[in-house]
């Protein structure tokens, strides 16, 4: 989940700020916990803390979506939508560094690290 959040922050700063604002409102206890745990003394900075909050908030939303899904079709749909979204983000990142978009929702689950380079 971290690479997805980092990509969102770099590709679409407005979206990231909206996600951050929502995460701070919806998960205020988690935000306080992250600020107390991920301190400057331990080598973390504010960027690390906000990325951790957005990452954990997205993971919780996704987990709750799966938990609340009432049938197998809904879960399959959620997984397909997640793969579509991840593939789009990864392709944008690859294209930004001068590569050719190669990722599809169908090949994403089967790809190796070597295929990303």
PDB file of N, CA and C in Angstrom:
ATOM      1  N   UNK A   1       0.825  -1.189   0.000  1.00  0.00           N
ATOM      2  CA  UNK A   1       0.000   0.000   0.000  1.00  0.00           C
ATOM      3  C   UNK A   1       0.874   1.259   0.000  1.00  0.00           C
ATOM      4  N   UNK A   2       2.046   1.199   0.649  1.00  0.00           N
ATOM      5  CA  UNK A   2       2.913   2.373   0.693  1.00  0.00           C
ATOM      6  C   UNK A   2       3.295   2.894  -0.699  1.00  0.00           C
ATOM      7  N   UNK A   3       3.714   2.016  -1.621  1.00  0.00           N
ATOM      8  CA  UNK A   3       4.070   2.537  -2.952  1.00  0.00           C
ATOM      9  C   UNK A   3       2.899   3.245  -3.646  1.00  0.00           C
ATOM     10  N   UNK A   4       1.704   2.768  -3.421  1.00  0.00           N
ATOM     11  CA  UNK A   4       0.534   3.406  -4.028  1.00  0.00           C
ATOM     12  C   UNK A   4       0.352   4.802  -3.447  1.00  0.00           C
ATOM     13  N   UNK A   5       0.479   4.933  -2.147  1.00  0.00           N
ATOM     14  CA  UNK A   5       0.321   6.242  -1.500  1.00  0.00           C
ATOM     15  C   UNK A   5       1.421   7.194  -1.951  1.00  0.00           C
ATOM     16  N   UNK A   6       2.663   6.713  -2.036  1.00  0.00           N
ATOM     17  CA  UNK A   6       3.747   7.574  -2.516  1.00  0.00           C
ATOM     18  C   UNK A   6       3.476   8.034  -3.948  1.00  0.00           C
ATOM     19  N   UNK A   7       2.969   7.131  -4.776  1.00  0.00           N
ATOM     20  CA  UNK A   7       2.651   7.492  -6.161  1.00  0.00           C
ATOM     21  C   UNK A   7       1.551   8.542  -6.215  1.00  0.00           C
ATOM     22  N   UNK A   8       0.521   8.360  -5.422  1.00  0.00           N
ATOM     23  CA  UNK A   8      -0.562   9.342  -5.387  1.00  0.00           C
ATOM     24  C   UNK A   8      -0.020  10.705  -4.980  1.00  0.00           C
ATOM     25  N   UNK A   9       0.824  10.727  -3.963  1.00  0.00           N
ATOM     26  CA  UNK A   9       1.377  11.993  -3.490  1.00  0.00           C
ATOM     27  C   UNK A   9       2.187  12.678  -4.594  1.00  0.00           C
ATOM     28  N   UNK A  10       2.938  11.917  -5.370  1.00  0.00           N
ATOM     29  CA  UNK A  10       3.784  12.497  -6.412  1.00  0.00           C
ATOM     30  C   UNK A  10       3.021  12.843  -7.680  1.00  0.00           C
ATOM     31  N   UNK A  11       2.014  12.069  -8.012  1.00  0.00           N
ATOM     32  CA  UNK A  11       1.283  12.280  -9.257  1.00  0.00           C
ATOM     33  C   UNK A  11       0.143  13.279  -9.104  1.00  0.00           C
ATOM     34  N   UNK A  12      -0.565  13.191  -7.983  1.00  0.00           N
ATOM     35  CA  UNK A  12      -1.750  14.027  -7.805  1.00  0.00           C
ATOM     36  C   UNK A  12      -1.766  14.565  -6.375  1.00  0.00           C
ATOM     37  N   UNK A  13      -1.065  15.664  -6.169  1.00  0.00           N
ATOM     38  CA  UNK A  13      -0.915  16.234  -4.827  1.00  0.00           C
ATOM     39  C   UNK A  13      -2.259  16.655  -4.231  1.00  0.00           C
ATOM     40  N   UNK A  14      -3.168  17.152  -5.065  1.00  0.00           N
ATOM     41  CA  UNK A  14      -4.486  17.574  -4.568  1.00  0.00           C
ATOM     42  C   UNK A  14      -5.242  16.369  -4.005  1.00  0.00           C
ATOM     43  N   UNK A  15      -5.232  15.249  -4.732  1.00  0.00           N
ATOM     44  CA  UNK A  15      -5.884  14.034  -4.243  1.00  0.00           C
ATOM     45  C   UNK A  15      -5.264  13.603  -2.930  1.00  0.00           C
ATOM     46  N   UNK A  16      -3.930  13.628  -2.860  1.00  0.00           N
ATOM     47  CA  UNK A  16      -3.253  13.216  -1.633  1.00  0.00           C
ATOM     48  C   UNK A  16      -3.674  14.096  -0.457  1.00  0.00           C
ATOM     49  N   UNK A  17      -3.722  15.395  -0.668  1.00  0.00           N
ATOM     50  CA  UNK A  17      -4.116  16.313   0.411  1.00  0.00           C
ATOM     51  C   UNK A  17      -5.554  16.060   0.855  1.00  0.00           C
ATOM     52  N   UNK A  18      -6.434  15.737  -0.100  1.00  0.00           N
ATOM     53  CA  UNK A  18      -7.818  15.409   0.261  1.00  0.00           C
ATOM     54  C   UNK A  18      -7.887  14.121   1.076  1.00  0.00           C
ATOM     55  N   UNK A  19      -7.116  13.118   0.664  1.00  0.00           N
ATOM     56  CA  UNK A  19      -7.070  11.865   1.414  1.00  0.00           C
ATOM     57  C   UNK A  19      -6.504  12.087   2.814  1.00  0.00           C
ATOM     58  N   UNK A  20      -5.477  12.911   2.901  1.00  0.00           N
ATOM     59  CA  UNK A  20      -4.867  13.214   4.194  1.00  0.00           C
ATOM     60  C   UNK A  20      -5.858  13.912   5.115  1.00  0.00           C
ATOM     61  N   UNK A  21      -6.559  14.895   4.584  1.00  0.00           N
ATOM     62  CA  UNK A  21      -7.540  15.631   5.383  1.00  0.00           C
ATOM     63  C   UNK A  21      -8.634  14.697   5.889  1.00  0.00           C
ATOM     64  N   UNK A  22      -9.130  13.850   5.016  1.00  0.00           N
ATOM     65  CA  UNK A  22     -10.171  12.901   5.402  1.00  0.00           C
ATOM     66  C   UNK A  22      -9.650  11.917   6.450  1.00  0.00           C
ATOM     67  N   UNK A  23      -8.418  11.434   6.262  1.00  0.00           N
ATOM     68  CA  UNK A  23      -7.822  10.487   7.205  1.00  0.00           C
ATOM     69  C   UNK A  23      -7.646  11.123   8.587  1.00  0.00           C
ATOM     70  N   UNK A  24      -7.216  12.385   8.610  1.00  0.00           N
ATOM     71  CA  UNK A  24      -7.060  13.069   9.901  1.00  0.00           C
ATOM     72  C   UNK A  24      -8.394  13.208  10.617  1.00  0.00           C
ATOM     73  N   UNK A  25      -9.462  13.477   9.865  1.00  0.00           N
ATOM     74  CA  UNK A  25     -10.786  13.612  10.469  1.00  0.00           C
ATOM     75  C   UNK A  25     -11.353  12.272  10.923  1.00  0.00           C
ATOM     76  N   UNK A  26     -11.223  11.257  10.076  1.00  0.00           N
ATOM     77  CA  UNK A  26     -11.833   9.964  10.365  1.00  0.00           C
ATOM     78  C   UNK A  26     -11.028   9.110  11.338  1.00  0.00           C
ATOM     79  N   UNK A  27      -9.735   9.348  11.405  1.00  0.00           N
ATOM     80  CA  UNK A  27      -8.858   8.523  12.239  1.00  0.00           C
ATOM     81  C   UNK A  27      -7.984   9.395  13.142  1.00  0.00           C
ATOM     82  N   UNK A  28      -8.613  10.243  13.931  1.00  0.00           N
ATOM     83  CA  UNK A  28      -7.851  11.176  14.773  1.00  0.00           C
ATOM     84  C   UNK A  28      -6.999  10.446  15.815  1.00  0.00           C
ATOM     85  N   UNK A  29      -7.500   9.344  16.364  1.00  0.00           N
ATOM     86  CA  UNK A  29      -6.702   8.575  17.333  1.00  0.00           C
ATOM     87  C   UNK A  29      -5.479   7.956  16.648  1.00  0.00           C
ATOM     88  N   UNK A  30      -5.688   7.415  15.461  1.00  0.00           N
ATOM     89  CA  UNK A  30      -4.581   6.838  14.705  1.00  0.00           C
ATOM     90  C   UNK A  30      -3.541   7.907  14.384  1.00  0.00           C
ATOM     91  N   UNK A  31      -3.993   9.097  13.995  1.00  0.00           N
ATOM     92  CA  UNK A  31      -3.084  10.200  13.677  1.00  0.00           C
ATOM     93  C   UNK A  31      -2.237  10.552  14.892  1.00  0.00           C
ATOM     94  N   UNK A  32      -2.861  10.629  16.067  1.00  0.00           N
ATOM     95  CA  UNK A  32      -2.113  10.930  17.295  1.00  0.00           C
ATOM     96  C   UNK A  32      -1.108   9.823  17.596  1.00  0.00           C
ATOM     97  N   UNK A  33      -1.514   8.584  17.388  1.00  0.00           N
ATOM     98  CA  UNK A  33      -0.636   7.438  17.622  1.00  0.00           C
ATOM     99  C   UNK A  33       0.581   7.475  16.682  1.00  0.00           C
ATOM    100  N   UNK A  34       0.337   7.783  15.424  1.00  0.00           N
ATOM    101  CA  UNK A  34       1.432   7.862  14.449  1.00  0.00           C
ATOM    102  C   UNK A  34       2.387   8.993  14.817  1.00  0.00           C
ATOM    103  N   UNK A  35       1.845  10.136  15.206  1.00  0.00           N
ATOM    104  CA  UNK A  35       2.709  11.260  15.593  1.00  0.00           C
ATOM    105  C   UNK A  35       3.562  10.925  16.808  1.00  0.00           C
ATOM    106  N   UNK A  36       3.032  10.131  17.722  1.00  0.00           N
ATOM    107  CA  UNK A  36       3.793   9.748  18.915  1.00  0.00           C
ATOM    108  C   UNK A  36       4.804   8.645  18.632  1.00  0.00           C
ATOM    109  N   UNK A  37       4.515   7.803  17.661  1.00  0.00           N
ATOM    110  CA  UNK A  37       5.378   6.662  17.359  1.00  0.00           C
ATOM    111  C   UNK A  37       6.462   7.006  16.343  1.00  0.00           C
ATOM    112  N   UNK A  38       6.095   7.715  15.286  1.00  0.00           N
ATOM    113  CA  UNK A  38       7.012   8.036  14.189  1.00  0.00           C
ATOM    114  C   UNK A  38       7.629   9.418  14.430  1.00  0.00           C
ATOM    115  N   UNK A  39       8.489   9.507  15.424  1.00  0.00           N
ATOM    116  CA  UNK A  39       9.050  10.793  15.837  1.00  0.00           C
ATOM    117  C   UNK A  39      10.317  11.142  15.054  1.00  0.00           C
ATOM    118  N   UNK A  40      10.658  12.427  15.115  1.00  0.00           N
ATOM    119  CA  UNK A  40      11.897  12.889  14.498  1.00  0.00           C
ATOM    120  C   UNK A  40      13.103  12.194  15.126  1.00  0.00           C
ATOM    121  N   UNK A  41      13.043  11.952  16.432  1.00  0.00           N
ATOM    122  CA  UNK A  41      14.152  11.292  17.131  1.00  0.00           C
ATOM    123  C   UNK A  41      14.404   9.888  16.595  1.00  0.00           C
ATOM    124  N   UNK A  42      13.362   9.251  16.087  1.00  0.00           N
ATOM    125  CA  UNK A  42      13.494   7.900  15.542  1.00  0.00           C
ATOM    126  C   UNK A  42      13.836   7.922  14.050  1.00  0.00           C
ATOM    127  N   UNK A  43      14.051   9.124  13.491  1.00  0.00           N
ATOM    128  CA  UNK A  43      14.466   9.243  12.102  1.00  0.00           C
ATOM    129  C   UNK A  43      13.340   9.486  11.112  1.00  0.00           C
ATOM    130  N   UNK A  44      12.152   9.767  11.614  1.00  0.00           N
ATOM    131  CA  UNK A  44      11.012  10.036  10.731  1.00  0.00           C
ATOM    132  C   UNK A  44      10.780  11.533  10.635  1.00  0.00           C
ATOM    133  N   UNK A  45      10.151  11.962   9.549  1.00  0.00           N
ATOM    134  CA  UNK A  45       9.807  13.371   9.397  1.00  0.00           C
ATOM    135  C   UNK A  45       8.305  13.502   9.145  1.00  0.00           C
ATOM    136  N   UNK A  46       7.840  14.726   8.951  1.00  0.00           N
ATOM    137  CA  UNK A  46       6.405  14.967   8.767  1.00  0.00           C
ATOM    138  C   UNK A  46       5.872  14.244   7.530  1.00  0.00           C
ATOM    139  N   UNK A  47       6.651  14.215   6.464  1.00  0.00           N
ATOM    140  CA  UNK A  47       6.235  13.504   5.255  1.00  0.00           C
ATOM    141  C   UNK A  47       6.031  12.015   5.534  1.00  0.00           C
ATOM    142  N   UNK A  48       6.933  11.417   6.315  1.00  0.00           N
ATOM    143  CA  UNK A  48       6.787  10.013   6.694  1.00  0.00           C
ATOM    144  C   UNK A  48       5.487   9.792   7.468  1.00  0.00           C
ATOM    145  N   UNK A  49       5.190  10.713   8.385  1.00  0.00           N
ATOM    146  CA  UNK A  49       3.994  10.566   9.218  1.00  0.00           C
ATOM    147  C   UNK A  49       2.715  10.675   8.396  1.00  0.00           C
ATOM    148  N   UNK A  50       2.634  11.660   7.498  1.00  0.00           N
ATOM    149  CA  UNK A  50       1.404  11.810   6.711  1.00  0.00           C
ATOM    150  C   UNK A  50       1.241  10.644   5.739  1.00  0.00           C
ATOM    151  N   UNK A  51       2.342  10.155   5.185  1.00  0.00           N
ATOM    152  CA  UNK A  51       2.253   8.981   4.310  1.00  0.00           C
ATOM    153  C   UNK A  51       1.780   7.751   5.081  1.00  0.00           C
ATOM    154  N   UNK A  52       2.256   7.583   6.276  1.00  0.00           N
ATOM    155  CA  UNK A  52       1.829   6.446   7.095  1.00  0.00           C
ATOM    156  C   UNK A  52       0.346   6.545   7.429  1.00  0.00           C
ATOM    157  N   UNK A  53      -0.120   7.739   7.746  1.00  0.00           N
ATOM    158  CA  UNK A  53      -1.542   7.912   8.068  1.00  0.00           C
ATOM    159  C   UNK A  53      -2.413   7.576   6.863  1.00  0.00           C
ATOM    160  N   UNK A  54      -2.094   8.125   5.702  1.00  0.00           N
ATOM    161  CA  UNK A  54      -2.896   7.860   4.506  1.00  0.00           C
ATOM    162  C   UNK A  54      -2.846   6.375   4.157  1.00  0.00           C
ATOM    163  N   UNK A  55      -1.683   5.764   4.274  1.00  0.00           N
ATOM    164  CA  UNK A  55      -1.536   4.335   3.982  1.00  0.00           C
ATOM    165  C   UNK A  55      -2.424   3.497   4.898  1.00  0.00           C
ATOM    166  N   UNK A  56      -2.349   3.753   6.190  1.00  0.00           N
ATOM    167  CA  UNK A  56      -3.146   2.973   7.131  1.00  0.00           C
ATOM    168  C   UNK A  56      -4.637   3.245   6.976  1.00  0.00           C
ATOM    169  N   UNK A  57      -5.003   4.480   6.681  1.00  0.00           N
ATOM    170  CA  UNK A  57      -6.422   4.814   6.487  1.00  0.00           C
ATOM    171  C   UNK A  57      -6.971   4.096   5.251  1.00  0.00           C
ATOM    172  N   UNK A  58      -6.226   4.136   4.139  1.00  0.00           N
ATOM    173  CA  UNK A  58      -6.671   3.433   2.933  1.00  0.00           C
ATOM    174  C   UNK A  58      -6.789   1.935   3.181  1.00  0.00           C
ATOM    175  N   UNK A  59      -5.821   1.372   3.879  1.00  0.00           N
ATOM    176  CA  UNK A  59      -5.869  -0.061   4.188  1.00  0.00           C
ATOM    177  C   UNK A  59      -7.108  -0.393   5.014  1.00  0.00           C
ATOM    178  N   UNK A  60      -7.457   0.455   5.952  1.00  0.00           N
ATOM    179  CA  UNK A  60      -8.642   0.203   6.784  1.00  0.00           C
ATOM    180  C   UNK A  60      -9.926   0.337   5.983  1.00  0.00           C
ATOM    181  N   UNK A  61      -9.991   1.322   5.094  1.00  0.00           N
ATOM    182  CA  UNK A  61     -11.177   1.470   4.244  1.00  0.00           C
ATOM    183  C   UNK A  61     -11.340   0.241   3.341  1.00  0.00           C
ATOM    184  N   UNK A  62     -10.250  -0.206   2.751  1.00  0.00           N
ATOM    185  CA  UNK A  62     -10.312  -1.372   1.869  1.00  0.00           C
ATOM    186  C   UNK A  62     -10.719  -2.610   2.662  1.00  0.00           C
ATOM    187  N   UNK A  63     -10.108  -2.793   3.818  1.00  0.00           N
ATOM    188  CA  UNK A  63     -10.441  -3.937   4.667  1.00  0.00           C
ATOM    189  C   UNK A  63     -11.922  -3.917   5.036  1.00  0.00           C
ATOM    190  N   UNK A  64     -12.428  -2.751   5.429  1.00  0.00           N
ATOM    191  CA  UNK A  64     -13.843  -2.651   5.790  1.00  0.00           C
ATOM    192  C   UNK A  64     -14.743  -2.917   4.593  1.00  0.00           C
ATOM    193  N   UNK A  65     -14.322  -2.490   3.406  1.00  0.00           N
ATOM    194  CA  UNK A  65     -15.095  -2.766   2.200  1.00  0.00           C
ATOM    195  C   UNK A  65     -15.216  -4.252   1.941  1.00  0.00           C
ATOM    196  N   UNK A  66     -14.117  -4.983   2.108  1.00  0.00           N
ATOM    197  CA  UNK A  66     -14.162  -6.430   1.923  1.00  0.00           C
ATOM    198  C   UNK A  66     -14.992  -7.095   3.015  1.00  0.00           C
ATOM    199  N   UNK A  67     -14.821  -6.620   4.234  1.00  0.00           N
ATOM    200  CA  UNK A  67     -15.537  -7.205   5.366  1.00  0.00           C
ATOM    201  C   UNK A  67     -17.046  -7.011   5.223  1.00  0.00           C
ATOM    202  N   UNK A  68     -17.454  -5.870   4.665  1.00  0.00           N
ATOM    203  CA  UNK A  68     -18.874  -5.573   4.530  1.00  0.00           C
ATOM    204  C   UNK A  68     -19.486  -6.101   3.239  1.00  0.00           C
ATOM    205  N   UNK A  69     -18.668  -6.657   2.364  1.00  0.00           N
ATOM    206  CA  UNK A  69     -19.200  -7.188   1.103  1.00  0.00           C
ATOM    207  C   UNK A  69     -20.112  -8.373   1.417  1.00  0.00           C
ATOM    208  N   UNK A  70     -21.278  -8.386   0.796  1.00  0.00           N
ATOM    209  CA  UNK A  70     -22.271  -9.403   1.133  1.00  0.00           C
ATOM    210  C   UNK A  70     -22.216 -10.643   0.258  1.00  0.00           C
ATOM    211  N   UNK A  71     -21.517 -10.563  -0.849  1.00  0.00           N
ATOM    212  CA  UNK A  71     -21.443 -11.758  -1.691  1.00  0.00           C
ATOM    213  C   UNK A  71     -20.129 -11.796  -2.447  1.00  0.00           C
ATOM    214  N   UNK A  72     -19.864 -12.934  -3.024  1.00  0.00           N
ATOM    215  CA  UNK A  72     -18.610 -13.163  -3.730  1.00  0.00           C
ATOM    216  C   UNK A  72     -18.456 -12.228  -4.927  1.00  0.00           C
ATOM    217  N   UNK A  73     -19.550 -11.937  -5.621  1.00  0.00           N
ATOM    218  CA  UNK A  73     -19.492 -11.044  -6.772  1.00  0.00           C
ATOM    219  C   UNK A  73     -18.986  -9.665  -6.358  1.00  0.00           C
ATOM    220  N   UNK A  74     -19.456  -9.158  -5.237  1.00  0.00           N
ATOM    221  CA  UNK A  74     -19.026  -7.849  -4.760  1.00  0.00           C
ATOM    222  C   UNK A  74     -17.535  -7.859  -4.454  1.00  0.00           C
ATOM    223  N   UNK A  75     -17.051  -8.907  -3.816  1.00  0.00           N
ATOM    224  CA  UNK A  75     -15.626  -8.998  -3.493  1.00  0.00           C
ATOM    225  C   UNK A  75     -14.808  -9.052  -4.783  1.00  0.00           C
ATOM    226  N   UNK A  76     -15.249  -9.847  -5.753  1.00  0.00           N
ATOM    227  CA  UNK A  76     -14.535  -9.911  -7.032  1.00  0.00           C
ATOM    228  C   UNK A  76     -14.522  -8.544  -7.708  1.00  0.00           C
ATOM    229  N   UNK A  77     -15.624  -7.837  -7.647  1.00  0.00           N
ATOM    230  CA  UNK A  77     -15.707  -6.506  -8.241  1.00  0.00           C
ATOM    231  C   UNK A  77     -14.745  -5.556  -7.546  1.00  0.00           C
ATOM    232  N   UNK A  78     -14.692  -5.605  -6.233  1.00  0.00           N
ATOM    233  CA  UNK A  78     -13.784  -4.741  -5.478  1.00  0.00           C
ATOM    234  C   UNK A  78     -12.327  -5.049  -5.821  1.00  0.00           C
ATOM    235  N   UNK A  79     -12.006  -6.328  -5.940  1.00  0.00           N
ATOM    236  CA  UNK A  79     -10.637  -6.717  -6.275  1.00  0.00           C
ATOM    237  C   UNK A  79     -10.290  -6.242  -7.687  1.00  0.00           C
ATOM    238  N   UNK A  80     -11.205  -6.425  -8.642  1.00  0.00           N
ATOM    239  CA  UNK A  80     -10.978  -5.982 -10.021  1.00  0.00           C
ATOM    240  C   UNK A  80     -10.765  -4.470 -10.062  1.00  0.00           C
ATOM    241  N   UNK A  81     -11.604  -3.725  -9.320  1.00  0.00           N
ATOM    242  CA  UNK A  81     -11.457  -2.267  -9.291  1.00  0.00           C
ATOM    243  C   UNK A  81     -10.118  -1.869  -8.673  1.00  0.00           C
ATOM    244  N   UNK A  82      -9.699  -2.584  -7.643  1.00  0.00           N
ATOM    245  CA  UNK A  82      -8.402  -2.289  -7.016  1.00  0.00           C
ATOM    246  C   UNK A  82      -7.269  -2.536  -8.006  1.00  0.00           C
ATOM    247  N   UNK A  83      -7.312  -3.670  -8.730  1.00  0.00           N
ATOM    248  CA  UNK A  83      -6.282  -3.953  -9.728  1.00  0.00           C
ATOM    249  C   UNK A  83      -6.274  -2.905 -10.831  1.00  0.00           C
ATOM    250  N   UNK A  84      -7.439  -2.479 -11.287  1.00  0.00           N
ATOM    251  CA  UNK A  84      -7.514  -1.435 -12.315  1.00  0.00           C
ATOM    252  C   UNK A  84      -6.852  -0.153 -11.820  1.00  0.00           C
ATOM    253  N   UNK A  85      -7.159   0.226 -10.602  1.00  0.00           N
ATOM    254  CA  UNK A  85      -6.616   1.461 -10.038  1.00  0.00           C
ATOM    255  C   UNK A  85      -5.099   1.365  -9.868  1.00  0.00           C
ATOM    256  N   UNK A  86      -4.628   0.254  -9.327  1.00  0.00           N
ATOM    257  CA  UNK A  86      -3.190   0.060  -9.119  1.00  0.00           C
ATOM    258  C   UNK A  86      -2.466   0.065 -10.463  1.00  0.00           C
ATOM    259  N   UNK A  87      -3.033  -0.608 -11.464  1.00  0.00           N
ATOM    260  CA  UNK A  87      -2.404  -0.643 -12.792  1.00  0.00           C
ATOM    261  C   UNK A  87      -2.293   0.760 -13.375  1.00  0.00           C
ATOM    262  N   UNK A  88      -3.328   1.576 -13.233  1.00  0.00           N
ATOM    263  CA  UNK A  88      -3.289   2.945 -13.753  1.00  0.00           C
ATOM    264  C   UNK A  88      -2.196   3.759 -13.067  1.00  0.00           C
ATOM    265  N   UNK A  89      -2.109   3.648 -11.749  1.00  0.00           N
ATOM    266  CA  UNK A  89      -1.095   4.404 -10.997  1.00  0.00           C
ATOM    267  C   UNK A  89       0.304   3.963 -11.411  1.00  0.00           C
ATOM    268  N   UNK A  90       0.532   2.658 -11.479  1.00  0.00           N
ATOM    269  CA  UNK A  90       1.860   2.167 -11.843  1.00  0.00           C
ATOM    270  C   UNK A  90       2.231   2.584 -13.261  1.00  0.00           C
ATOM    271  N   UNK A  91       1.286   2.540 -14.182  1.00  0.00           N
ATOM    272  CA  UNK A  91       1.566   2.978 -15.556  1.00  0.00           C
ATOM    273  C   UNK A  91       1.932   4.453 -15.601  1.00  0.00           C
ATOM    274  N   UNK A  92       1.247   5.284 -14.833  1.00  0.00           N
ATOM    275  CA  UNK A  92       1.580   6.712 -14.803  1.00  0.00           C
ATOM    276  C   UNK A  92       2.992   6.930 -14.290  1.00  0.00           C
ATOM    277  N   UNK A  93       3.357   6.186 -13.246  1.00  0.00           N
ATOM    278  CA  UNK A  93       4.708   6.316 -12.691  1.00  0.00           C
ATOM    279  C   UNK A  93       5.738   5.879 -13.726  1.00  0.00           C
ATOM    280  N   UNK A  94       5.503   4.758 -14.386  1.00  0.00           N
ATOM    281  CA  UNK A  94       6.436   4.252 -15.400  1.00  0.00           C
ATOM    282  C   UNK A  94       6.569   5.252 -16.544  1.00  0.00           C
ATOM    283  N   UNK A  95       5.451   5.810 -17.008  1.00  0.00           N
ATOM    284  CA  UNK A  95       5.480   6.775 -18.104  1.00  0.00           C
ATOM    285  C   UNK A  95       6.206   8.055 -17.702  1.00  0.00           C
ATOM    286  N   UNK A  96       6.071   8.468 -16.449  1.00  0.00           N
ATOM    287  CA  UNK A  96       6.751   9.689 -15.986  1.00  0.00           C
ATOM    288  C   UNK A  96       8.260   9.562 -16.026  1.00  0.00           C
ATOM    289  N   UNK A  97       8.762   8.375 -15.806  1.00  0.00           N
ATOM    290  CA  UNK A  97      10.218   8.192 -15.833  1.00  0.00           C
ATOM    291  C   UNK A  97      10.704   7.758 -17.205  1.00  0.00           C
ATOM    292  N   UNK A  98       9.831   7.868 -18.206  1.00  0.00           N
ATOM    293  CA  UNK A  98      10.242   7.622 -19.578  1.00  0.00           C
ATOM    294  C   UNK A  98      10.034   6.217 -20.082  1.00  0.00           C
ATOM    295  N   UNK A  99       9.352   5.403 -19.317  1.00  0.00           N
ATOM    296  CA  UNK A  99       9.103   4.029 -19.754  1.00  0.00           C
ATOM    297  C   UNK A  99       7.801   3.913 -20.526  1.00  0.00           C
ATOM    298  N   UNK A 100       7.520   2.708 -20.944  1.00  0.00           N
ATOM    299  CA  UNK A 100       6.306   2.428 -21.695  1.00  0.00           C
ATOM    300  C   UNK A 100       5.322   1.711 -20.775  1.00  0.00           C
ATOM    301  N   UNK A 101       4.075   2.160 -20.761  1.00  0.00           N
ATOM    302  CA  UNK A 101       3.050   1.546 -19.924  1.00  0.00           C
ATOM    303  C   UNK A 101       2.853   0.093 -20.348  1.00  0.00           C
ATOM    304  N   UNK A 102       3.038  -0.823 -19.405  1.00  0.00           N
ATOM    305  CA  UNK A 102       2.967  -2.251 -19.719  1.00  0.00           C
ATOM    306  C   UNK A 102       2.027  -3.009 -18.802  1.00  0.00           C
ATOM    307  N   UNK A 103       1.456  -2.353 -17.856  1.00  0.00           N
ATOM    308  CA  UNK A 103       0.706  -3.046 -16.822  1.00  0.00           C
ATOM    309  C   UNK A 103      -0.780  -3.018 -17.138  1.00  0.00           C
ATOM    310  N   UNK A 104      -1.391  -4.185 -17.065  1.00  0.00           N
ATOM    311  CA  UNK A 104      -2.832  -4.291 -17.210  1.00  0.00           C
ATOM    312  C   UNK A 104      -3.370  -4.992 -15.963  1.00  0.00           C
ATOM    313  N   UNK A 105      -4.641  -4.813 -15.675  1.00  0.00           N
ATOM    314  CA  UNK A 105      -5.200  -5.519 -14.512  1.00  0.00           C
ATOM    315  C   UNK A 105      -5.039  -7.035 -14.615  1.00  0.00           C
ATOM    316  N   UNK A 106      -4.978  -7.552 -15.846  1.00  0.00           N
ATOM    317  CA  UNK A 106      -4.846  -8.988 -16.023  1.00  0.00           C
ATOM    318  C   UNK A 106      -3.434  -9.494 -15.725  1.00  0.00           C
ATOM    319  N   UNK A 107      -2.410  -8.724 -16.112  1.00  0.00           N
ATOM    320  CA  UNK A 107      -1.059  -9.208 -15.884  1.00  0.00           C
ATOM    321  C   UNK A 107      -0.467  -8.736 -14.557  1.00  0.00           C
ATOM    322  N   UNK A 108      -1.077  -7.765 -13.910  1.00  0.00           N
ATOM    323  CA  UNK A 108      -0.541  -7.239 -12.648  1.00  0.00           C
ATOM    324  C   UNK A 108      -0.320  -8.320 -11.591  1.00  0.00           C
ATOM    325  N   UNK A 109      -1.283  -9.210 -11.335  1.00  0.00           N
ATOM    326  CA  UNK A 109      -1.056 -10.215 -10.288  1.00  0.00           C
ATOM    327  C   UNK A 109       0.054 -11.207 -10.613  1.00  0.00           C
ATOM    328  N   UNK A 110       0.440 -11.302 -11.898  1.00  0.00           N
ATOM    329  CA  UNK A 110       1.432 -12.294 -12.318  1.00  0.00           C
ATOM    330  C   UNK A 110       2.817 -11.703 -12.555  1.00  0.00           C
ATOM    331  N   UNK A 111       2.959 -10.385 -12.439  1.00  0.00           N
ATOM    332  CA  UNK A 111       4.214  -9.723 -12.803  1.00  0.00           C
ATOM    333  C   UNK A 111       5.307  -9.979 -11.776  1.00  0.00           C
ATOM    334  N   UNK A 112       6.532  -9.966 -12.264  1.00  0.00           N
ATOM    335  CA  UNK A 112       7.693 -10.100 -11.387  1.00  0.00           C
ATOM    336  C   UNK A 112       8.350  -8.730 -11.250  1.00  0.00           C
ATOM    337  N   UNK A 113       9.250  -8.586 -10.304  1.00  0.00           N
ATOM    338  CA  UNK A 113       9.953  -7.326 -10.116  1.00  0.00           C
ATOM    339  C   UNK A 113      10.782  -6.958 -11.347  1.00  0.00           C
ATOM    340  N   UNK A 114      11.353  -7.949 -12.017  1.00  0.00           N
ATOM    341  CA  UNK A 114      12.184  -7.702 -13.202  1.00  0.00           C
ATOM    342  C   UNK A 114      11.367  -7.055 -14.309  1.00  0.00           C
ATOM    343  N   UNK A 115      10.091  -7.361 -14.399  1.00  0.00           N
ATOM    344  CA  UNK A 115       9.250  -6.814 -15.451  1.00  0.00           C
ATOM    345  C   UNK A 115       8.978  -5.313 -15.256  1.00  0.00           C
ATOM    346  N   UNK A 116       9.155  -4.805 -14.060  1.00  0.00           N
ATOM    347  CA  UNK A 116       8.941  -3.392 -13.803  1.00  0.00           C
ATOM    348  C   UNK A 116      10.121  -2.531 -14.239  1.00  0.00           C
ATOM    349  N   UNK A 117      11.284  -3.147 -14.413  1.00  0.00           N
ATOM    350  CA  UNK A 117      12.478  -2.365 -14.752  1.00  0.00           C
ATOM    351  C   UNK A 117      12.659  -2.194 -16.236  1.00  0.00           C
TER     352      UNK A 117
END
